[in-house]
Amino acid sequence: QVQLAESGGGLVQPGGSLRLSCVFYGSSFSHYVMAWYRQAPGKQRKFVARISPGGSTDVADSEKGRFFISRDNAERMVYLQLNYLQPEDTAVYYCNAQYLENGMDYWGEGTLVTVSS
């Protein structure tokens, strides 16, 4: 069974940065595509970024150049670097793991990012 635990959220001023972390508990981490999603208050959860086991990345167009995803297969970690944060980035950020073999996916409980002065 897979469990995911996010951390690194908090309150940040506009223009600031945060680095979110997600630890993967389970086996075969290198067989999972890892991703980040976010859900703003009153809105649907939406895709932010994903990274393949080999390190290929895909970032939502609206976040390209500001958000960067990375992973450490040895440590079973995935990271999301958030730069130039704006109030509209306020959301709960969720870590997602999707198994390459059958598409089954898992979610963490999320970490809250609040951008406010």
N, C-alpha and C. Protein backbone atom coordinates (compact mmCIF):
# COMPACT_ATOMS: atom_id res chain seq x y z
N GLN A 1 0.85 -1.19 0.00
CA GLN A 1 0.00 0.00 0.00
C GLN A 1 0.88 1.24 0.00
N VAL A 2 0.41 2.27 -0.65
CA VAL A 2 1.16 3.51 -0.78
C VAL A 2 0.54 4.59 0.09
N GLN A 3 1.38 5.31 0.76
CA GLN A 3 0.94 6.51 1.49
C GLN A 3 1.84 7.66 1.11
N LEU A 4 1.25 8.83 1.05
CA LEU A 4 1.98 10.04 0.69
C LEU A 4 1.80 11.08 1.79
N ALA A 5 2.85 11.79 2.08
CA ALA A 5 2.76 12.82 3.12
C ALA A 5 3.44 14.08 2.63
N GLU A 6 2.65 15.14 2.50
CA GLU A 6 3.18 16.43 2.06
C GLU A 6 3.60 17.28 3.25
N SER A 7 4.53 18.18 2.98
CA SER A 7 4.94 19.15 3.98
C SER A 7 5.51 20.37 3.27
N GLY A 8 5.73 21.43 4.02
CA GLY A 8 6.36 22.61 3.46
C GLY A 8 5.44 23.78 3.21
N GLY A 9 4.14 23.57 3.38
CA GLY A 9 3.22 24.68 3.19
C GLY A 9 3.32 25.68 4.32
N GLY A 10 2.65 26.80 4.12
CA GLY A 10 2.66 27.84 5.14
C GLY A 10 2.22 29.17 4.59
N LEU A 11 2.45 30.19 5.36
CA LEU A 11 2.09 31.55 4.97
C LEU A 11 3.31 32.24 4.36
N VAL A 12 3.12 32.83 3.21
CA VAL A 12 4.22 33.51 2.53
C VAL A 12 3.69 34.80 1.92
N GLN A 13 4.53 35.79 1.86
CA GLN A 13 4.13 37.06 1.26
C GLN A 13 4.16 36.97 -0.26
N PRO A 14 3.38 37.79 -0.91
CA PRO A 14 3.44 37.84 -2.38
C PRO A 14 4.87 38.07 -2.86
N GLY A 15 5.24 37.33 -3.88
CA GLY A 15 6.60 37.40 -4.41
C GLY A 15 7.56 36.43 -3.76
N GLY A 16 7.10 35.78 -2.72
CA GLY A 16 7.96 34.84 -2.01
C GLY A 16 8.00 33.46 -2.63
N SER A 17 8.74 32.58 -1.99
CA SER A 17 8.93 31.21 -2.48
C SER A 17 8.69 30.20 -1.37
N LEU A 18 8.33 29.01 -1.79
CA LEU A 18 8.21 27.88 -0.88
C LEU A 18 8.66 26.63 -1.61
N ARG A 19 9.12 25.67 -0.85
CA ARG A 19 9.43 24.36 -1.42
C ARG A 19 8.59 23.32 -0.69
N LEU A 20 7.72 22.68 -1.45
CA LEU A 20 6.90 21.63 -0.91
C LEU A 20 7.60 20.29 -1.09
N SER A 21 7.38 19.41 -0.13
CA SER A 21 7.96 18.07 -0.19
C SER A 21 6.87 17.03 -0.04
N CYS A 22 7.10 15.90 -0.64
CA CYS A 22 6.18 14.77 -0.52
C CYS A 22 7.02 13.51 -0.34
N VAL A 23 6.77 12.81 0.74
CA VAL A 23 7.47 11.55 0.96
C VAL A 23 6.54 10.40 0.59
N PHE A 24 7.11 9.43 -0.10
CA PHE A 24 6.39 8.26 -0.60
C PHE A 24 6.68 7.09 0.32
N TYR A 25 5.64 6.54 0.92
CA TYR A 25 5.78 5.35 1.75
C TYR A 25 5.22 4.17 0.96
N GLY A 26 6.07 3.23 0.69
CA GLY A 26 5.65 2.08 -0.08
C GLY A 26 6.81 1.57 -0.90
N SER A 27 6.51 0.68 -1.81
CA SER A 27 7.57 0.11 -2.63
C SER A 27 7.42 0.56 -4.08
N SER A 28 8.45 0.32 -4.84
CA SER A 28 8.46 0.57 -6.28
C SER A 28 8.23 2.03 -6.63
N PHE A 29 8.83 2.92 -5.88
CA PHE A 29 8.67 4.36 -6.16
C PHE A 29 9.04 4.68 -7.60
N SER A 30 10.03 4.01 -8.12
CA SER A 30 10.50 4.31 -9.48
C SER A 30 9.51 3.85 -10.54
N HIS A 31 8.42 3.22 -10.16
CA HIS A 31 7.39 2.80 -11.11
C HIS A 31 6.18 3.75 -11.08
N TYR A 32 6.34 4.87 -10.39
CA TYR A 32 5.23 5.82 -10.25
C TYR A 32 5.55 7.15 -10.91
N VAL A 33 4.57 7.65 -11.63
CA VAL A 33 4.60 9.04 -12.03
C VAL A 33 4.11 9.85 -10.84
N MET A 34 4.86 10.86 -10.47
CA MET A 34 4.50 11.69 -9.32
C MET A 34 4.01 13.04 -9.81
N ALA A 35 3.04 13.58 -9.11
CA ALA A 35 2.44 14.84 -9.55
C ALA A 35 2.01 15.68 -8.36
N TRP A 36 1.80 16.94 -8.65
CA TRP A 36 1.22 17.88 -7.69
C TRP A 36 -0.05 18.47 -8.30
N TYR A 37 -1.05 18.57 -7.46
CA TYR A 37 -2.30 19.24 -7.81
C TYR A 37 -2.57 20.28 -6.73
N ARG A 38 -3.46 21.18 -7.01
CA ARG A 38 -3.86 22.14 -5.97
C ARG A 38 -5.34 22.42 -6.07
N GLN A 39 -5.89 22.79 -4.93
CA GLN A 39 -7.30 23.12 -4.86
C GLN A 39 -7.46 24.40 -4.07
N ALA A 40 -7.89 25.43 -4.77
CA ALA A 40 -8.13 26.71 -4.13
C ALA A 40 -9.51 26.68 -3.46
N PRO A 41 -9.74 27.54 -2.49
CA PRO A 41 -11.04 27.57 -1.80
C PRO A 41 -12.19 27.74 -2.78
N GLY A 42 -13.15 26.84 -2.70
CA GLY A 42 -14.33 26.92 -3.54
C GLY A 42 -14.14 26.51 -4.98
N LYS A 43 -12.97 25.96 -5.30
CA LYS A 43 -12.69 25.59 -6.69
C LYS A 43 -12.33 24.12 -6.79
N GLN A 44 -12.31 23.62 -8.02
CA GLN A 44 -11.96 22.23 -8.24
C GLN A 44 -10.45 22.04 -8.17
N ARG A 45 -10.07 20.83 -7.83
CA ARG A 45 -8.66 20.48 -7.82
C ARG A 45 -8.13 20.51 -9.26
N LYS A 46 -6.94 21.07 -9.41
CA LYS A 46 -6.40 21.12 -10.77
C LYS A 46 -4.92 20.75 -10.78
N PHE A 47 -4.50 20.29 -11.92
CA PHE A 47 -3.14 19.83 -12.14
C PHE A 47 -2.14 20.99 -12.06
N VAL A 48 -1.00 20.71 -11.43
CA VAL A 48 0.07 21.70 -11.36
C VAL A 48 1.30 21.21 -12.12
N ALA A 49 1.78 20.01 -11.79
CA ALA A 49 3.00 19.51 -12.42
C ALA A 49 3.11 18.01 -12.19
N ARG A 50 3.85 17.34 -13.09
CA ARG A 50 4.12 15.91 -12.93
C ARG A 50 5.55 15.62 -13.36
N ILE A 51 6.03 14.50 -12.87
CA ILE A 51 7.38 14.07 -13.22
C ILE A 51 7.40 12.56 -13.36
N SER A 52 8.01 12.09 -14.43
CA SER A 52 8.09 10.66 -14.70
C SER A 52 9.20 10.04 -13.86
N PRO A 53 9.24 8.72 -13.79
CA PRO A 53 10.34 8.08 -13.06
C PRO A 53 11.71 8.47 -13.59
N GLY A 54 11.79 8.73 -14.88
CA GLY A 54 13.06 9.11 -15.48
C GLY A 54 13.39 10.58 -15.37
N GLY A 55 12.44 11.38 -14.86
CA GLY A 55 12.72 12.79 -14.64
C GLY A 55 12.12 13.74 -15.65
N SER A 56 11.38 13.24 -16.61
CA SER A 56 10.69 14.13 -17.55
C SER A 56 9.57 14.86 -16.82
N THR A 57 9.48 16.15 -17.08
CA THR A 57 8.50 16.96 -16.34
C THR A 57 7.47 17.60 -17.27
N ASP A 58 6.36 17.91 -16.66
CA ASP A 58 5.28 18.60 -17.34
C ASP A 58 4.66 19.54 -16.32
N VAL A 59 4.59 20.81 -16.67
CA VAL A 59 4.05 21.82 -15.77
C VAL A 59 2.89 22.51 -16.45
N ALA A 60 1.84 22.78 -15.69
CA ALA A 60 0.69 23.50 -16.24
C ALA A 60 1.16 24.82 -16.85
N ASP A 61 0.58 25.16 -17.99
CA ASP A 61 1.03 26.36 -18.72
C ASP A 61 1.04 27.60 -17.84
N SER A 62 0.04 27.73 -17.01
CA SER A 62 -0.08 28.94 -16.20
C SER A 62 1.01 29.04 -15.13
N GLU A 63 1.68 27.94 -14.85
CA GLU A 63 2.72 27.92 -13.80
C GLU A 63 4.14 27.76 -14.36
N LYS A 64 4.25 27.59 -15.66
CA LYS A 64 5.58 27.42 -16.25
C LYS A 64 6.45 28.64 -15.99
N GLY A 65 7.67 28.36 -15.61
CA GLY A 65 8.61 29.43 -15.30
C GLY A 65 8.58 29.87 -13.85
N ARG A 66 7.57 29.46 -13.12
CA ARG A 66 7.48 29.79 -11.69
C ARG A 66 7.58 28.56 -10.80
N PHE A 67 6.96 27.47 -11.24
CA PHE A 67 6.92 26.26 -10.43
C PHE A 67 7.80 25.18 -11.08
N PHE A 68 8.50 24.45 -10.23
CA PHE A 68 9.41 23.43 -10.74
C PHE A 68 9.27 22.17 -9.90
N ILE A 69 9.16 21.03 -10.58
CA ILE A 69 8.99 19.76 -9.90
C ILE A 69 10.27 18.95 -10.05
N SER A 70 10.59 18.21 -9.01
CA SER A 70 11.76 17.34 -9.05
C SER A 70 11.50 16.13 -8.16
N ARG A 71 12.35 15.13 -8.32
CA ARG A 71 12.19 13.93 -7.50
C ARG A 71 13.56 13.36 -7.16
N ASP A 72 13.59 12.62 -6.08
CA ASP A 72 14.78 11.90 -5.66
C ASP A 72 14.35 10.46 -5.48
N ASN A 73 14.68 9.63 -6.45
CA ASN A 73 14.22 8.24 -6.41
C ASN A 73 14.84 7.47 -5.25
N ALA A 74 16.07 7.80 -4.92
CA ALA A 74 16.73 7.09 -3.82
C ALA A 74 16.06 7.39 -2.48
N GLU A 75 15.61 8.63 -2.31
CA GLU A 75 14.98 9.03 -1.05
C GLU A 75 13.46 8.92 -1.09
N ARG A 76 12.91 8.56 -2.26
CA ARG A 76 11.46 8.44 -2.42
C ARG A 76 10.76 9.76 -2.08
N MET A 77 11.32 10.81 -2.66
CA MET A 77 10.79 12.14 -2.40
C MET A 77 10.44 12.83 -3.72
N VAL A 78 9.45 13.68 -3.66
CA VAL A 78 9.16 14.56 -4.79
C VAL A 78 8.97 15.97 -4.21
N TYR A 79 9.42 16.94 -4.97
CA TYR A 79 9.43 18.32 -4.51
C TYR A 79 8.71 19.22 -5.50
N LEU A 80 8.16 20.30 -4.98
CA LEU A 80 7.59 21.33 -5.84
C LEU A 80 8.12 22.67 -5.35
N GLN A 81 8.92 23.29 -6.18
CA GLN A 81 9.45 24.62 -5.88
C GLN A 81 8.49 25.66 -6.41
N LEU A 82 8.01 26.51 -5.53
CA LEU A 82 7.05 27.55 -5.89
C LEU A 82 7.74 28.91 -5.77
N ASN A 83 7.82 29.63 -6.88
CA ASN A 83 8.47 30.94 -6.90
C ASN A 83 7.48 32.03 -7.30
N TYR A 84 7.82 33.27 -6.91
CA TYR A 84 7.00 34.43 -7.27
C TYR A 84 5.53 34.17 -6.96
N LEU A 85 5.28 33.71 -5.77
CA LEU A 85 3.93 33.36 -5.38
C LEU A 85 3.03 34.59 -5.31
N GLN A 86 1.80 34.37 -5.69
CA GLN A 86 0.79 35.41 -5.70
C GLN A 86 -0.43 34.94 -4.90
N PRO A 87 -1.27 35.88 -4.47
CA PRO A 87 -2.44 35.46 -3.67
C PRO A 87 -3.29 34.39 -4.35
N GLU A 88 -3.35 34.41 -5.67
CA GLU A 88 -4.16 33.40 -6.37
C GLU A 88 -3.54 32.01 -6.33
N ASP A 89 -2.32 31.91 -5.82
CA ASP A 89 -1.70 30.60 -5.62
C ASP A 89 -2.12 29.96 -4.31
N THR A 90 -2.85 30.69 -3.51
CA THR A 90 -3.34 30.14 -2.25
C THR A 90 -4.22 28.92 -2.52
N ALA A 91 -3.86 27.82 -1.90
CA ALA A 91 -4.57 26.56 -2.16
C ALA A 91 -4.00 25.47 -1.25
N VAL A 92 -4.71 24.39 -1.21
CA VAL A 92 -4.14 23.16 -0.64
C VAL A 92 -3.45 22.43 -1.79
N TYR A 93 -2.20 22.09 -1.58
CA TYR A 93 -1.41 21.40 -2.60
C TYR A 93 -1.32 19.92 -2.23
N TYR A 94 -1.69 19.09 -3.21
CA TYR A 94 -1.76 17.65 -2.99
C TYR A 94 -0.69 16.93 -3.81
N CYS A 95 -0.10 15.94 -3.21
CA CYS A 95 0.82 15.05 -3.89
C CYS A 95 0.04 13.84 -4.42
N ASN A 96 0.39 13.41 -5.61
CA ASN A 96 -0.28 12.29 -6.26
C ASN A 96 0.75 11.32 -6.81
N ALA A 97 0.46 10.04 -6.67
CA ALA A 97 1.33 9.00 -7.24
C ALA A 97 0.47 8.11 -8.13
N GLN A 98 0.90 7.93 -9.35
CA GLN A 98 0.17 7.06 -10.28
C GLN A 98 1.07 5.92 -10.73
N TYR A 99 0.59 4.68 -10.51
CA TYR A 99 1.37 3.49 -10.83
C TYR A 99 1.36 3.26 -12.34
N LEU A 100 2.53 3.15 -12.92
CA LEU A 100 2.65 3.00 -14.37
C LEU A 100 1.98 1.73 -14.88
N GLU A 101 2.00 0.67 -14.08
CA GLU A 101 1.53 -0.63 -14.56
C GLU A 101 0.03 -0.67 -14.77
N ASN A 102 -0.74 0.00 -13.89
CA ASN A 102 -2.19 -0.13 -13.99
C ASN A 102 -2.95 1.18 -13.80
N GLY A 103 -2.25 2.28 -13.67
CA GLY A 103 -2.91 3.57 -13.55
C GLY A 103 -3.50 3.89 -12.19
N MET A 104 -3.38 2.97 -11.25
CA MET A 104 -3.93 3.24 -9.91
C MET A 104 -3.19 4.43 -9.30
N ASP A 105 -3.96 5.30 -8.67
CA ASP A 105 -3.28 6.43 -8.08
C ASP A 105 -3.65 6.64 -6.62
N TYR A 106 -2.78 7.38 -5.96
CA TYR A 106 -2.87 7.63 -4.53
C TYR A 106 -2.68 9.12 -4.28
N TRP A 107 -3.31 9.57 -3.18
CA TRP A 107 -3.25 10.98 -2.83
C TRP A 107 -2.78 11.17 -1.40
N GLY A 108 -2.06 12.25 -1.20
CA GLY A 108 -1.76 12.68 0.15
C GLY A 108 -2.91 13.53 0.68
N GLU A 109 -2.75 13.99 1.90
CA GLU A 109 -3.80 14.78 2.53
C GLU A 109 -3.66 16.27 2.25
N GLY A 110 -2.56 16.65 1.67
CA GLY A 110 -2.39 18.03 1.26
C GLY A 110 -1.66 18.89 2.26
N THR A 111 -1.10 19.97 1.74
CA THR A 111 -0.45 20.98 2.58
C THR A 111 -0.93 22.35 2.11
N LEU A 112 -1.28 23.19 3.05
CA LEU A 112 -1.88 24.48 2.73
C LEU A 112 -0.82 25.53 2.48
N VAL A 113 -0.96 26.20 1.36
CA VAL A 113 -0.12 27.35 1.03
C VAL A 113 -1.02 28.59 1.02
N THR A 114 -0.64 29.56 1.81
CA THR A 114 -1.39 30.81 1.87
C THR A 114 -0.46 31.95 1.49
N VAL A 115 -0.85 32.68 0.46
CA VAL A 115 -0.05 33.81 0.00
C VAL A 115 -0.81 35.09 0.35
N SER A 116 -0.23 35.84 1.26
CA SER A 116 -0.92 37.04 1.74
C SER A 116 0.09 37.98 2.37
N SER A 117 -0.19 39.25 2.25
CA SER A 117 0.65 40.24 2.91
C SER A 117 0.08 40.59 4.30
